[in-house]
Amino acid sequence: MSTHGSTPVRLLLCDDHAVVRAGLRALLSSADGIEVVGEAGSGEEALAMAARLHPDVVLMDLQLGEGMDGVTATRHLTAVGEVAPRVLVLTMFDTDADITRAIEAGATGYLLKAERPDELFTAIHSAASGRTALSAPVADRLLAQLRSPRPALSAREHEILGQLARGLGNREIARALFISEATVKTHLGRIYGKLGVETRAGAVAAAKERRLLQ
């Protein structure tokens, strides 16, 4: 008999690596009160399977190769009202931007793949009950963000971010805004720091999540 109640948590796995999915399924088959009802290899597949299988919890990786990423899939999964499954992120990435994007998209929890199995089992049951489940390093980072919120972007940084979203390179941005390439690089460094990212694509993605782009 399950110590978590008579009805097991219906779990859908979403990870683009078949070996990872197989390992998770094998691990979770030994867990009390958890039933893996399906495996998805992409965000699109997760949405289709969730609509068909009605899982209680979706265990979601953030990096899903080509196509829809885990954050976008999470937003779609959690947007269907009362019948929406809980989404528990399971990833290797613990950057501030990844954590913020996932939580803002509606994820109930955020776990790192380095967690111990019993922590994962507990988090799945917590998520199914609607309780937040965070790995300790993730909780620490969220608290640090709250204690020292990043400064807002300046008007010039907003301009450069807008050009970045259009796919322009540093030289093109410099020409468009009548500034030097060195100045563009300086502003980009500040933008990355404020958004907690390290790449141009990351900056655009984070800006879209925070609705910084018009």
N, C-alpha and C. Protein backbone atom coordinates (compact mmCIF):
# COMPACT_ATOMS: atom_id res chain seq x y z
N MET A 1 0.84 -1.20 0.00
CA MET A 1 0.00 0.00 0.00
C MET A 1 0.87 1.25 0.00
N SER A 2 0.50 2.26 -0.80
CA SER A 2 1.30 3.47 -0.90
C SER A 2 1.21 4.30 0.37
N THR A 3 2.35 4.82 0.79
CA THR A 3 2.35 5.68 1.96
C THR A 3 1.89 7.09 1.60
N HIS A 4 1.69 7.34 0.30
CA HIS A 4 1.27 8.68 -0.14
C HIS A 4 -0.20 8.66 -0.55
N GLY A 5 -0.94 7.64 -0.19
CA GLY A 5 -2.34 7.57 -0.60
C GLY A 5 -2.53 6.42 -1.56
N SER A 6 -3.77 6.05 -1.78
CA SER A 6 -4.06 4.87 -2.58
C SER A 6 -3.92 5.12 -4.07
N THR A 7 -4.02 6.38 -4.50
CA THR A 7 -3.94 6.70 -5.92
C THR A 7 -2.54 7.20 -6.27
N PRO A 8 -1.82 6.51 -7.14
CA PRO A 8 -0.46 6.96 -7.47
C PRO A 8 -0.47 8.25 -8.29
N VAL A 9 0.61 8.99 -8.20
CA VAL A 9 0.78 10.20 -9.01
C VAL A 9 1.06 9.78 -10.45
N ARG A 10 0.24 10.28 -11.36
CA ARG A 10 0.43 9.97 -12.79
C ARG A 10 1.48 10.94 -13.34
N LEU A 11 2.59 10.38 -13.83
CA LEU A 11 3.74 11.20 -14.21
C LEU A 11 4.07 11.03 -15.69
N LEU A 12 4.28 12.15 -16.38
CA LEU A 12 4.74 12.14 -17.77
C LEU A 12 6.16 12.68 -17.80
N LEU A 13 7.07 11.92 -18.42
CA LEU A 13 8.46 12.35 -18.56
C LEU A 13 8.65 13.11 -19.86
N CYS A 14 9.42 14.19 -19.82
CA CYS A 14 9.77 14.90 -21.05
C CYS A 14 11.25 15.24 -21.03
N ASP A 15 12.01 14.52 -21.86
CA ASP A 15 13.45 14.74 -22.00
C ASP A 15 13.83 14.28 -23.40
N ASP A 16 14.69 15.03 -24.08
CA ASP A 16 15.01 14.67 -25.46
C ASP A 16 16.04 13.55 -25.57
N HIS A 17 16.58 13.09 -24.43
CA HIS A 17 17.54 11.99 -24.47
C HIS A 17 16.87 10.68 -24.04
N ALA A 18 16.82 9.71 -24.95
CA ALA A 18 16.15 8.44 -24.67
C ALA A 18 16.79 7.71 -23.48
N VAL A 19 18.12 7.81 -23.38
CA VAL A 19 18.81 7.13 -22.28
C VAL A 19 18.40 7.73 -20.94
N VAL A 20 18.27 9.05 -20.89
CA VAL A 20 17.84 9.72 -19.66
C VAL A 20 16.42 9.30 -19.30
N ARG A 21 15.55 9.27 -20.30
CA ARG A 21 14.15 8.85 -20.03
C ARG A 21 14.11 7.42 -19.51
N ALA A 22 14.91 6.55 -20.11
CA ALA A 22 14.93 5.15 -19.68
C ALA A 22 15.43 5.05 -18.23
N GLY A 23 16.46 5.82 -17.92
CA GLY A 23 16.99 5.80 -16.56
C GLY A 23 15.99 6.32 -15.55
N LEU A 24 15.29 7.40 -15.92
CA LEU A 24 14.28 7.96 -15.02
C LEU A 24 13.12 6.98 -14.82
N ARG A 25 12.68 6.35 -15.92
CA ARG A 25 11.58 5.39 -15.80
C ARG A 25 11.97 4.23 -14.88
N ALA A 26 13.19 3.73 -15.05
CA ALA A 26 13.66 2.62 -14.20
C ALA A 26 13.73 3.05 -12.74
N LEU A 27 14.23 4.27 -12.52
CA LEU A 27 14.34 4.79 -11.16
C LEU A 27 12.97 4.97 -10.53
N LEU A 28 12.07 5.58 -11.29
CA LEU A 28 10.75 5.91 -10.74
C LEU A 28 9.86 4.70 -10.56
N SER A 29 10.16 3.62 -11.29
CA SER A 29 9.36 2.40 -11.14
C SER A 29 9.52 1.81 -9.74
N SER A 30 10.65 2.19 -9.08
CA SER A 30 10.88 1.69 -7.72
C SER A 30 10.28 2.60 -6.66
N ALA A 31 9.75 3.75 -7.09
CA ALA A 31 9.24 4.74 -6.14
C ALA A 31 7.82 4.40 -5.71
N ASP A 32 7.55 4.70 -4.46
CA ASP A 32 6.23 4.45 -3.90
C ASP A 32 5.24 5.52 -4.37
N GLY A 33 4.12 5.08 -4.92
CA GLY A 33 3.05 6.02 -5.25
C GLY A 33 3.28 6.86 -6.48
N ILE A 34 4.13 6.40 -7.42
CA ILE A 34 4.36 7.12 -8.68
C ILE A 34 4.19 6.16 -9.85
N GLU A 35 3.41 6.57 -10.83
CA GLU A 35 3.20 5.75 -12.02
C GLU A 35 3.58 6.56 -13.26
N VAL A 36 4.59 6.10 -14.00
CA VAL A 36 4.99 6.78 -15.24
C VAL A 36 4.01 6.37 -16.34
N VAL A 37 3.23 7.34 -16.82
CA VAL A 37 2.19 7.02 -17.81
C VAL A 37 2.64 7.28 -19.24
N GLY A 38 3.79 7.96 -19.42
CA GLY A 38 4.27 8.22 -20.78
C GLY A 38 5.61 8.92 -20.80
N GLU A 39 6.25 8.88 -21.97
CA GLU A 39 7.54 9.54 -22.18
C GLU A 39 7.46 10.38 -23.44
N ALA A 40 7.87 11.65 -23.33
CA ALA A 40 7.90 12.53 -24.49
C ALA A 40 9.34 12.95 -24.76
N GLY A 41 9.69 13.02 -26.05
CA GLY A 41 11.04 13.41 -26.42
C GLY A 41 11.16 14.85 -26.88
N SER A 42 10.03 15.59 -26.88
CA SER A 42 10.05 16.99 -27.31
C SER A 42 8.92 17.73 -26.61
N GLY A 43 8.99 19.06 -26.66
CA GLY A 43 7.93 19.86 -26.06
C GLY A 43 6.60 19.63 -26.75
N GLU A 44 6.64 19.56 -28.07
CA GLU A 44 5.40 19.33 -28.83
C GLU A 44 4.77 17.99 -28.46
N GLU A 45 5.62 16.97 -28.33
CA GLU A 45 5.12 15.64 -27.97
C GLU A 45 4.55 15.64 -26.55
N ALA A 46 5.17 16.39 -25.66
CA ALA A 46 4.68 16.48 -24.28
C ALA A 46 3.28 17.08 -24.24
N LEU A 47 3.04 18.12 -25.03
CA LEU A 47 1.72 18.74 -25.06
C LEU A 47 0.66 17.77 -25.56
N ALA A 48 0.99 17.05 -26.64
CA ALA A 48 0.04 16.10 -27.21
C ALA A 48 -0.25 14.96 -26.23
N MET A 49 0.79 14.45 -25.59
CA MET A 49 0.62 13.33 -24.67
C MET A 49 -0.12 13.75 -23.40
N ALA A 50 0.14 14.96 -22.92
CA ALA A 50 -0.53 15.45 -21.72
C ALA A 50 -2.04 15.59 -21.98
N ALA A 51 -2.38 16.06 -23.18
CA ALA A 51 -3.80 16.21 -23.52
C ALA A 51 -4.50 14.86 -23.57
N ARG A 52 -3.75 13.83 -23.93
CA ARG A 52 -4.34 12.49 -24.07
C ARG A 52 -4.30 11.70 -22.76
N LEU A 53 -3.23 11.84 -22.00
CA LEU A 53 -3.01 11.00 -20.82
C LEU A 53 -3.42 11.64 -19.49
N HIS A 54 -3.58 12.97 -19.48
CA HIS A 54 -3.97 13.70 -18.27
C HIS A 54 -3.10 13.36 -17.06
N PRO A 55 -1.78 13.58 -17.18
CA PRO A 55 -0.90 13.31 -16.03
C PRO A 55 -1.13 14.32 -14.91
N ASP A 56 -0.79 13.93 -13.69
CA ASP A 56 -0.84 14.87 -12.57
C ASP A 56 0.36 15.79 -12.59
N VAL A 57 1.51 15.22 -12.98
CA VAL A 57 2.78 15.97 -12.99
C VAL A 57 3.53 15.66 -14.28
N VAL A 58 4.13 16.70 -14.87
CA VAL A 58 5.04 16.52 -16.01
C VAL A 58 6.45 16.84 -15.53
N LEU A 59 7.36 15.88 -15.66
CA LEU A 59 8.77 16.09 -15.29
C LEU A 59 9.47 16.61 -16.53
N MET A 60 9.83 17.89 -16.53
CA MET A 60 10.21 18.61 -17.74
C MET A 60 11.68 19.03 -17.75
N ASP A 61 12.40 18.62 -18.81
CA ASP A 61 13.74 19.14 -19.03
C ASP A 61 13.61 20.49 -19.72
N LEU A 62 14.58 21.39 -19.54
CA LEU A 62 14.50 22.69 -20.19
C LEU A 62 15.07 22.68 -21.60
N GLN A 63 16.16 21.95 -21.80
CA GLN A 63 16.82 21.89 -23.10
C GLN A 63 16.28 20.68 -23.87
N LEU A 64 15.54 20.96 -24.95
CA LEU A 64 14.89 19.86 -25.67
C LEU A 64 15.30 19.79 -27.14
N GLY A 65 16.49 20.24 -27.44
CA GLY A 65 16.95 20.16 -28.83
C GLY A 65 16.18 21.13 -29.71
N GLU A 66 15.93 20.74 -30.95
CA GLU A 66 15.22 21.60 -31.89
C GLU A 66 13.74 21.65 -31.52
N GLY A 67 13.08 22.73 -31.94
CA GLY A 67 11.66 22.86 -31.66
C GLY A 67 11.41 23.58 -30.34
N MET A 68 10.26 23.31 -29.76
CA MET A 68 9.82 23.98 -28.54
C MET A 68 10.72 23.63 -27.35
N ASP A 69 11.13 24.67 -26.60
CA ASP A 69 11.95 24.39 -25.42
C ASP A 69 11.06 24.11 -24.21
N GLY A 70 11.70 23.73 -23.10
CA GLY A 70 10.95 23.32 -21.92
C GLY A 70 10.14 24.45 -21.29
N VAL A 71 10.66 25.68 -21.36
CA VAL A 71 9.93 26.81 -20.80
C VAL A 71 8.64 27.07 -21.58
N THR A 72 8.73 27.04 -22.90
CA THR A 72 7.55 27.26 -23.74
C THR A 72 6.53 26.14 -23.52
N ALA A 73 7.02 24.91 -23.44
CA ALA A 73 6.13 23.78 -23.20
C ALA A 73 5.45 23.92 -21.84
N THR A 74 6.20 24.37 -20.84
CA THR A 74 5.64 24.57 -19.50
C THR A 74 4.52 25.59 -19.53
N ARG A 75 4.74 26.69 -20.25
CA ARG A 75 3.72 27.74 -20.33
C ARG A 75 2.44 27.21 -20.95
N HIS A 76 2.58 26.42 -22.01
CA HIS A 76 1.39 25.85 -22.66
C HIS A 76 0.68 24.85 -21.76
N LEU A 77 1.47 24.02 -21.09
CA LEU A 77 0.89 22.98 -20.24
C LEU A 77 0.11 23.57 -19.07
N THR A 78 0.63 24.66 -18.51
CA THR A 78 0.00 25.22 -17.31
C THR A 78 -1.10 26.24 -17.64
N ALA A 79 -1.35 26.45 -18.93
CA ALA A 79 -2.32 27.47 -19.33
C ALA A 79 -3.72 26.92 -19.59
N VAL A 80 -3.94 25.64 -19.29
CA VAL A 80 -5.24 25.03 -19.64
C VAL A 80 -6.20 24.96 -18.46
N GLY A 81 -6.00 25.85 -17.48
CA GLY A 81 -6.98 25.98 -16.41
C GLY A 81 -6.90 24.90 -15.36
N GLU A 82 -8.08 24.51 -14.86
CA GLU A 82 -8.15 23.59 -13.72
C GLU A 82 -7.60 22.21 -14.03
N VAL A 83 -7.62 21.81 -15.30
CA VAL A 83 -7.15 20.46 -15.65
C VAL A 83 -5.65 20.44 -15.96
N ALA A 84 -4.98 21.57 -15.80
CA ALA A 84 -3.54 21.64 -16.11
C ALA A 84 -2.73 20.77 -15.17
N PRO A 85 -1.76 20.04 -15.71
CA PRO A 85 -0.87 19.27 -14.83
C PRO A 85 0.11 20.21 -14.13
N ARG A 86 0.70 19.74 -13.06
CA ARG A 86 1.80 20.47 -12.45
C ARG A 86 3.05 20.17 -13.26
N VAL A 87 3.92 21.15 -13.41
CA VAL A 87 5.17 20.94 -14.14
C VAL A 87 6.33 21.06 -13.16
N LEU A 88 7.13 20.01 -13.12
CA LEU A 88 8.32 19.98 -12.26
C LEU A 88 9.54 19.94 -13.18
N VAL A 89 10.31 21.01 -13.19
CA VAL A 89 11.50 21.09 -14.04
C VAL A 89 12.60 20.22 -13.44
N LEU A 90 13.24 19.42 -14.30
CA LEU A 90 14.40 18.62 -13.90
C LEU A 90 15.49 18.88 -14.93
N THR A 91 16.53 19.60 -14.53
CA THR A 91 17.53 20.07 -15.49
C THR A 91 18.91 20.11 -14.87
N MET A 92 19.92 20.28 -15.72
CA MET A 92 21.29 20.46 -15.24
C MET A 92 21.61 21.94 -15.03
N PHE A 93 20.74 22.82 -15.52
CA PHE A 93 21.05 24.24 -15.56
C PHE A 93 20.42 25.00 -14.40
N ASP A 94 21.24 25.79 -13.70
CA ASP A 94 20.71 26.54 -12.57
C ASP A 94 21.06 28.03 -12.66
N THR A 95 21.11 28.56 -13.90
CA THR A 95 21.36 29.99 -14.04
C THR A 95 20.12 30.76 -13.59
N ASP A 96 20.34 31.99 -13.16
CA ASP A 96 19.22 32.82 -12.71
C ASP A 96 18.16 32.95 -13.78
N ALA A 97 18.60 33.14 -15.03
CA ALA A 97 17.63 33.35 -16.12
C ALA A 97 16.78 32.10 -16.34
N ASP A 98 17.41 30.92 -16.33
CA ASP A 98 16.65 29.68 -16.53
C ASP A 98 15.61 29.48 -15.42
N ILE A 99 16.04 29.71 -14.18
CA ILE A 99 15.14 29.53 -13.05
C ILE A 99 13.97 30.51 -13.14
N THR A 100 14.28 31.77 -13.39
CA THR A 100 13.24 32.80 -13.46
C THR A 100 12.25 32.50 -14.58
N ARG A 101 12.76 32.14 -15.75
CA ARG A 101 11.88 31.86 -16.89
C ARG A 101 10.96 30.69 -16.59
N ALA A 102 11.49 29.63 -15.99
CA ALA A 102 10.69 28.45 -15.71
C ALA A 102 9.59 28.74 -14.69
N ILE A 103 9.94 29.45 -13.61
CA ILE A 103 8.96 29.78 -12.58
C ILE A 103 7.89 30.71 -13.14
N GLU A 104 8.32 31.70 -13.92
CA GLU A 104 7.35 32.64 -14.49
C GLU A 104 6.43 31.96 -15.50
N ALA A 105 6.92 30.87 -16.12
CA ALA A 105 6.10 30.14 -17.09
C ALA A 105 5.06 29.24 -16.40
N GLY A 106 5.19 29.10 -15.08
CA GLY A 106 4.19 28.33 -14.34
C GLY A 106 4.67 27.06 -13.70
N ALA A 107 5.98 26.79 -13.74
CA ALA A 107 6.50 25.56 -13.13
C ALA A 107 6.24 25.56 -11.63
N THR A 108 5.81 24.42 -11.11
CA THR A 108 5.56 24.28 -9.67
C THR A 108 6.87 24.06 -8.92
N GLY A 109 7.86 23.47 -9.58
CA GLY A 109 9.13 23.20 -8.92
C GLY A 109 10.28 23.21 -9.90
N TYR A 110 11.50 23.25 -9.36
CA TYR A 110 12.71 23.31 -10.18
C TYR A 110 13.78 22.49 -9.48
N LEU A 111 14.10 21.34 -10.07
CA LEU A 111 15.10 20.44 -9.49
C LEU A 111 16.30 20.30 -10.42
N LEU A 112 17.45 20.06 -9.82
CA LEU A 112 18.66 19.79 -10.59
C LEU A 112 18.86 18.29 -10.71
N LYS A 113 19.45 17.85 -11.82
CA LYS A 113 19.63 16.42 -12.07
C LYS A 113 20.63 15.77 -11.11
N ALA A 114 21.32 16.61 -10.33
CA ALA A 114 22.26 16.07 -9.34
C ALA A 114 21.56 15.65 -8.04
N GLU A 115 20.24 15.87 -7.97
CA GLU A 115 19.50 15.53 -6.75
C GLU A 115 19.54 14.04 -6.45
N ARG A 116 19.42 13.69 -5.17
CA ARG A 116 19.30 12.29 -4.77
C ARG A 116 17.92 11.77 -5.16
N PRO A 117 17.80 10.48 -5.48
CA PRO A 117 16.51 9.92 -5.88
C PRO A 117 15.38 10.20 -4.90
N ASP A 118 15.65 10.08 -3.60
CA ASP A 118 14.55 10.30 -2.64
C ASP A 118 14.07 11.75 -2.67
N GLU A 119 14.97 12.69 -2.99
CA GLU A 119 14.56 14.10 -3.11
C GLU A 119 13.65 14.27 -4.32
N LEU A 120 13.97 13.56 -5.39
CA LEU A 120 13.13 13.62 -6.59
C LEU A 120 11.75 13.05 -6.31
N PHE A 121 11.69 11.90 -5.64
CA PHE A 121 10.40 11.28 -5.32
C PHE A 121 9.54 12.23 -4.48
N THR A 122 10.15 12.82 -3.47
CA THR A 122 9.43 13.74 -2.59
C THR A 122 8.93 14.95 -3.37
N ALA A 123 9.78 15.47 -4.27
CA ALA A 123 9.40 16.65 -5.06
C ALA A 123 8.22 16.35 -5.98
N ILE A 124 8.18 15.15 -6.55
CA ILE A 124 7.07 14.77 -7.43
C ILE A 124 5.76 14.75 -6.63
N HIS A 125 5.78 14.17 -5.45
CA HIS A 125 4.58 14.15 -4.60
C HIS A 125 4.19 15.56 -4.16
N SER A 126 5.18 16.38 -3.86
CA SER A 126 4.90 17.76 -3.47
C SER A 126 4.24 18.51 -4.62
N ALA A 127 4.82 18.36 -5.83
CA ALA A 127 4.27 19.04 -6.99
C ALA A 127 2.83 18.60 -7.26
N ALA A 128 2.57 17.30 -7.12
CA ALA A 128 1.22 16.78 -7.36
C ALA A 128 0.21 17.40 -6.40
N SER A 129 0.69 17.77 -5.20
CA SER A 129 -0.17 18.39 -4.19
C SER A 129 -0.22 19.91 -4.32
N GLY A 130 0.50 20.43 -5.33
CA GLY A 130 0.50 21.87 -5.54
C GLY A 130 1.50 22.63 -4.71
N ARG A 131 2.41 21.90 -4.04
CA ARG A 131 3.42 22.55 -3.22
C ARG A 131 4.69 22.79 -4.03
N THR A 132 5.33 23.89 -3.79
CA THR A 132 6.56 24.22 -4.51
C THR A 132 7.70 23.30 -4.08
N ALA A 133 8.47 22.84 -5.06
CA ALA A 133 9.61 21.96 -4.78
C ALA A 133 10.84 22.55 -5.48
N LEU A 134 11.84 22.92 -4.68
CA LEU A 134 13.05 23.53 -5.24
C LEU A 134 14.29 22.84 -4.70
N SER A 135 15.26 22.59 -5.58
CA SER A 135 16.56 22.13 -5.10
C SER A 135 17.15 23.23 -4.22
N ALA A 136 17.94 22.83 -3.23
CA ALA A 136 18.51 23.81 -2.31
C ALA A 136 19.30 24.93 -3.03
N PRO A 137 20.16 24.59 -4.02
CA PRO A 137 20.89 25.67 -4.71
C PRO A 137 19.96 26.62 -5.45
N VAL A 138 18.84 26.08 -5.97
CA VAL A 138 17.88 26.91 -6.70
C VAL A 138 17.17 27.86 -5.73
N ALA A 139 16.76 27.33 -4.58
CA ALA A 139 16.12 28.16 -3.56
C ALA A 139 17.05 29.28 -3.12
N ASP A 140 18.33 28.95 -2.95
CA ASP A 140 19.32 29.95 -2.54
C ASP A 140 19.43 31.06 -3.58
N ARG A 141 19.43 30.68 -4.86
CA ARG A 141 19.57 31.68 -5.92
C ARG A 141 18.33 32.57 -5.99
N LEU A 142 17.15 31.97 -5.82
CA LEU A 142 15.92 32.77 -5.84
C LEU A 142 15.90 33.77 -4.69
N LEU A 143 16.33 33.33 -3.51
CA LEU A 143 16.38 34.24 -2.37
C LEU A 143 17.38 35.37 -2.62
N ALA A 144 18.51 35.02 -3.21
CA ALA A 144 19.52 36.05 -3.52
C ALA A 144 18.97 37.07 -4.50
N GLN A 145 18.19 36.60 -5.49
CA GLN A 145 17.57 37.51 -6.45
C GLN A 145 16.61 38.47 -5.76
N LEU A 146 15.81 37.92 -4.85
CA LEU A 146 14.83 38.75 -4.15
C LEU A 146 15.50 39.79 -3.26
N ARG A 147 16.61 39.40 -2.66
CA ARG A 147 17.31 40.31 -1.75
C ARG A 147 18.04 41.42 -2.50
N SER A 148 18.49 41.13 -3.71
CA SER A 148 19.21 42.14 -4.49
C SER A 148 18.71 42.13 -5.92
N PRO A 149 17.50 42.67 -6.15
CA PRO A 149 16.94 42.67 -7.50
C PRO A 149 17.84 43.42 -8.48
N ARG A 150 17.90 42.93 -9.68
CA ARG A 150 18.77 43.56 -10.68
C ARG A 150 18.22 44.92 -11.09
N PRO A 151 19.12 45.88 -11.34
CA PRO A 151 18.66 47.19 -11.78
C PRO A 151 17.95 47.10 -13.13
N ALA A 152 17.04 48.03 -13.34
CA ALA A 152 16.29 48.04 -14.60
C ALA A 152 17.21 48.46 -15.74
N LEU A 153 16.82 48.10 -16.96
CA LEU A 153 17.59 48.47 -18.13
C LEU A 153 17.42 49.96 -18.42
N SER A 154 18.49 50.59 -18.89
CA SER A 154 18.42 52.00 -19.29
C SER A 154 17.73 52.10 -20.64
N ALA A 155 17.38 53.33 -21.03
CA ALA A 155 16.72 53.55 -22.32
C ALA A 155 17.61 53.04 -23.45
N ARG A 156 18.92 53.33 -23.37
CA ARG A 156 19.85 52.88 -24.41
C ARG A 156 19.93 51.36 -24.45
N GLU A 157 19.94 50.73 -23.28
CA GLU A 157 20.00 49.27 -23.23
C GLU A 157 18.74 48.65 -23.83
N HIS A 158 17.60 49.29 -23.60
CA HIS A 158 16.36 48.83 -24.23
C HIS A 158 16.47 48.92 -25.75
N GLU A 159 17.05 50.02 -26.25
CA GLU A 159 17.22 50.19 -27.69
C GLU A 159 18.09 49.07 -28.27
N ILE A 160 19.20 48.81 -27.60
CA ILE A 160 20.13 47.79 -28.09
C ILE A 160 19.49 46.41 -28.02
N LEU A 161 18.73 46.16 -26.97
CA LEU A 161 18.04 44.88 -26.85
C LEU A 161 17.05 44.70 -28.00
N GLY A 162 16.37 45.77 -28.36
CA GLY A 162 15.43 45.71 -29.48
C GLY A 162 16.12 45.37 -30.79
N GLN A 163 17.29 45.97 -31.01
CA GLN A 163 18.07 45.68 -32.22
C GLN A 163 18.57 44.23 -32.18
N LEU A 164 18.95 43.78 -31.00
CA LEU A 164 19.42 42.41 -30.82
C LEU A 164 18.33 41.41 -31.19
N ALA A 165 17.10 41.73 -30.78
CA ALA A 165 15.96 40.85 -31.08
C ALA A 165 15.67 40.77 -32.57
N ARG A 166 16.09 41.79 -33.31
CA ARG A 166 15.91 41.78 -34.77
C ARG A 166 17.00 40.98 -35.47
N GLY A 167 17.97 40.50 -34.68
CA GLY A 167 19.04 39.68 -35.25
C GLY A 167 20.23 40.46 -35.75
N LEU A 168 20.34 41.73 -35.38
CA LEU A 168 21.45 42.54 -35.85
C LEU A 168 22.73 42.24 -35.08
N GLY A 169 23.87 42.33 -35.78
CA GLY A 169 25.18 42.15 -35.15
C GLY A 169 25.64 43.46 -34.53
N ASN A 170 26.77 43.41 -33.83
CA ASN A 170 27.27 44.61 -33.15
C ASN A 170 27.51 45.77 -34.10
N ARG A 171 28.09 45.48 -35.26
CA ARG A 171 28.39 46.55 -36.22
C ARG A 171 27.11 47.19 -36.73
N GLU A 172 26.10 46.36 -37.02
CA GLU A 172 24.82 46.89 -37.51
C GLU A 172 24.11 47.71 -36.44
N ILE A 173 24.19 47.24 -35.20
CA ILE A 173 23.57 47.98 -34.10
C ILE A 173 24.26 49.33 -33.93
N ALA A 174 25.59 49.32 -34.01
CA ALA A 174 26.35 50.56 -33.88
C ALA A 174 25.93 51.57 -34.94
N ARG A 175 25.78 51.10 -36.18
CA ARG A 175 25.36 51.99 -37.27
C ARG A 175 23.96 52.52 -37.04
N ALA A 176 23.05 51.63 -36.64
CA ALA A 176 21.65 52.02 -36.46
C ALA A 176 21.48 53.06 -35.36
N LEU A 177 22.31 52.97 -34.32
CA LEU A 177 22.17 53.87 -33.17
C LEU A 177 23.21 54.98 -33.13
N PHE A 178 24.06 55.02 -34.17
CA PHE A 178 25.09 56.07 -34.29
C PHE A 178 26.03 56.08 -33.08
N ILE A 179 26.46 54.87 -32.70
CA ILE A 179 27.43 54.74 -31.61
C ILE A 179 28.54 53.79 -32.08
N SER A 180 29.60 53.69 -31.32
CA SER A 180 30.72 52.83 -31.72
C SER A 180 30.43 51.36 -31.34
N GLU A 181 31.13 50.45 -32.01
CA GLU A 181 31.00 49.03 -31.68
C GLU A 181 31.44 48.77 -30.25
N ALA A 182 32.46 49.49 -29.79
CA ALA A 182 32.94 49.31 -28.41
C ALA A 182 31.85 49.68 -27.42
N THR A 183 31.10 50.73 -27.73
CA THR A 183 30.00 51.15 -26.86
C THR A 183 28.90 50.09 -26.85
N VAL A 184 28.63 49.51 -28.01
CA VAL A 184 27.63 48.43 -28.10
C VAL A 184 28.05 47.27 -27.21
N LYS A 185 29.33 46.89 -27.29
CA LYS A 185 29.83 45.76 -26.49
C LYS A 185 29.70 46.05 -24.99
N THR A 186 29.99 47.29 -24.62
CA THR A 186 29.87 47.68 -23.20
C THR A 186 28.43 47.55 -22.73
N HIS A 187 27.51 48.06 -23.54
CA HIS A 187 26.08 47.97 -23.18
C HIS A 187 25.62 46.51 -23.13
N LEU A 188 26.09 45.69 -24.07
CA LEU A 188 25.71 44.28 -24.09
C LEU A 188 26.16 43.58 -22.80
N GLY A 189 27.38 43.91 -22.36
CA GLY A 189 27.87 43.33 -21.12
C GLY A 189 26.97 43.67 -19.94
N ARG A 190 26.51 44.91 -19.90
CA ARG A 190 25.62 45.34 -18.82
C ARG A 190 24.26 44.65 -18.93
N ILE A 191 23.76 44.51 -20.16
CA ILE A 191 22.47 43.84 -20.37
C ILE A 191 22.54 42.40 -19.91
N TYR A 192 23.63 41.70 -20.30
CA TYR A 192 23.79 40.30 -19.89
C TYR A 192 23.79 40.19 -18.37
N GLY A 193 24.51 41.10 -17.72
CA GLY A 193 24.60 41.07 -16.27
C GLY A 193 23.25 41.28 -15.60
N LYS A 194 22.49 42.23 -16.12
CA LYS A 194 21.19 42.54 -15.53
C LYS A 194 20.17 41.42 -15.75
N LEU A 195 20.29 40.73 -16.89
CA LEU A 195 19.33 39.67 -17.20
C LEU A 195 19.81 38.30 -16.71
N GLY A 196 21.06 38.24 -16.23
CA GLY A 196 21.58 36.97 -15.73
C GLY A 196 21.84 35.96 -16.83
N VAL A 197 22.28 36.43 -18.01
CA VAL A 197 22.53 35.54 -19.14
C VAL A 197 23.96 35.73 -19.63
N GLU A 198 24.36 34.86 -20.57
CA GLU A 198 25.74 34.94 -21.08
C GLU A 198 25.80 35.01 -22.59
N THR A 199 24.67 34.94 -23.27
CA THR A 199 24.66 34.94 -24.73
C THR A 199 23.61 35.89 -25.28
N ARG A 200 23.75 36.21 -26.57
CA ARG A 200 22.77 37.09 -27.24
C ARG A 200 21.40 36.42 -27.25
N ALA A 201 21.39 35.12 -27.58
CA ALA A 201 20.10 34.40 -27.63
C ALA A 201 19.46 34.36 -26.24
N GLY A 202 20.30 34.18 -25.22
CA GLY A 202 19.79 34.16 -23.85
C GLY A 202 19.18 35.49 -23.46
N ALA A 203 19.83 36.58 -23.89
CA ALA A 203 19.33 37.92 -23.58
C ALA A 203 17.97 38.16 -24.22
N VAL A 204 17.83 37.76 -25.48
CA VAL A 204 16.55 37.94 -26.18
C VAL A 204 15.46 37.09 -25.53
N ALA A 205 15.80 35.85 -25.21
CA ALA A 205 14.82 34.95 -24.58
C ALA A 205 14.37 35.50 -23.22
N ALA A 206 15.32 35.96 -22.42
CA ALA A 206 14.99 36.50 -21.10
C ALA A 206 14.17 37.78 -21.23
N ALA A 207 14.50 38.60 -22.21
CA ALA A 207 13.77 39.86 -22.42
C ALA A 207 12.33 39.58 -22.83
N LYS A 208 12.12 38.57 -23.67
CA LYS A 208 10.76 38.20 -24.08
C LYS A 208 9.96 37.68 -22.88
N GLU A 209 10.60 36.87 -22.05
CA GLU A 209 9.92 36.33 -20.87
C GLU A 209 9.48 37.45 -19.93
N ARG A 210 10.32 38.47 -19.81
CA ARG A 210 10.01 39.57 -18.87
C ARG A 210 9.26 40.72 -19.56
N ARG A 211 8.88 40.49 -20.81
CA ARG A 211 8.11 41.46 -21.59
C ARG A 211 8.84 42.81 -21.68
N LEU A 212 10.16 42.73 -21.91
CA LEU A 212 10.96 43.94 -22.06
C LEU A 212 11.00 44.42 -23.50
N LEU A 213 10.53 43.60 -24.42
CA LEU A 213 10.55 43.96 -25.83
C LEU A 213 9.16 44.41 -26.27
N GLN A 214 9.13 45.50 -26.95
CA GLN A 214 7.83 46.02 -27.44
C GLN A 214 7.42 45.30 -28.71
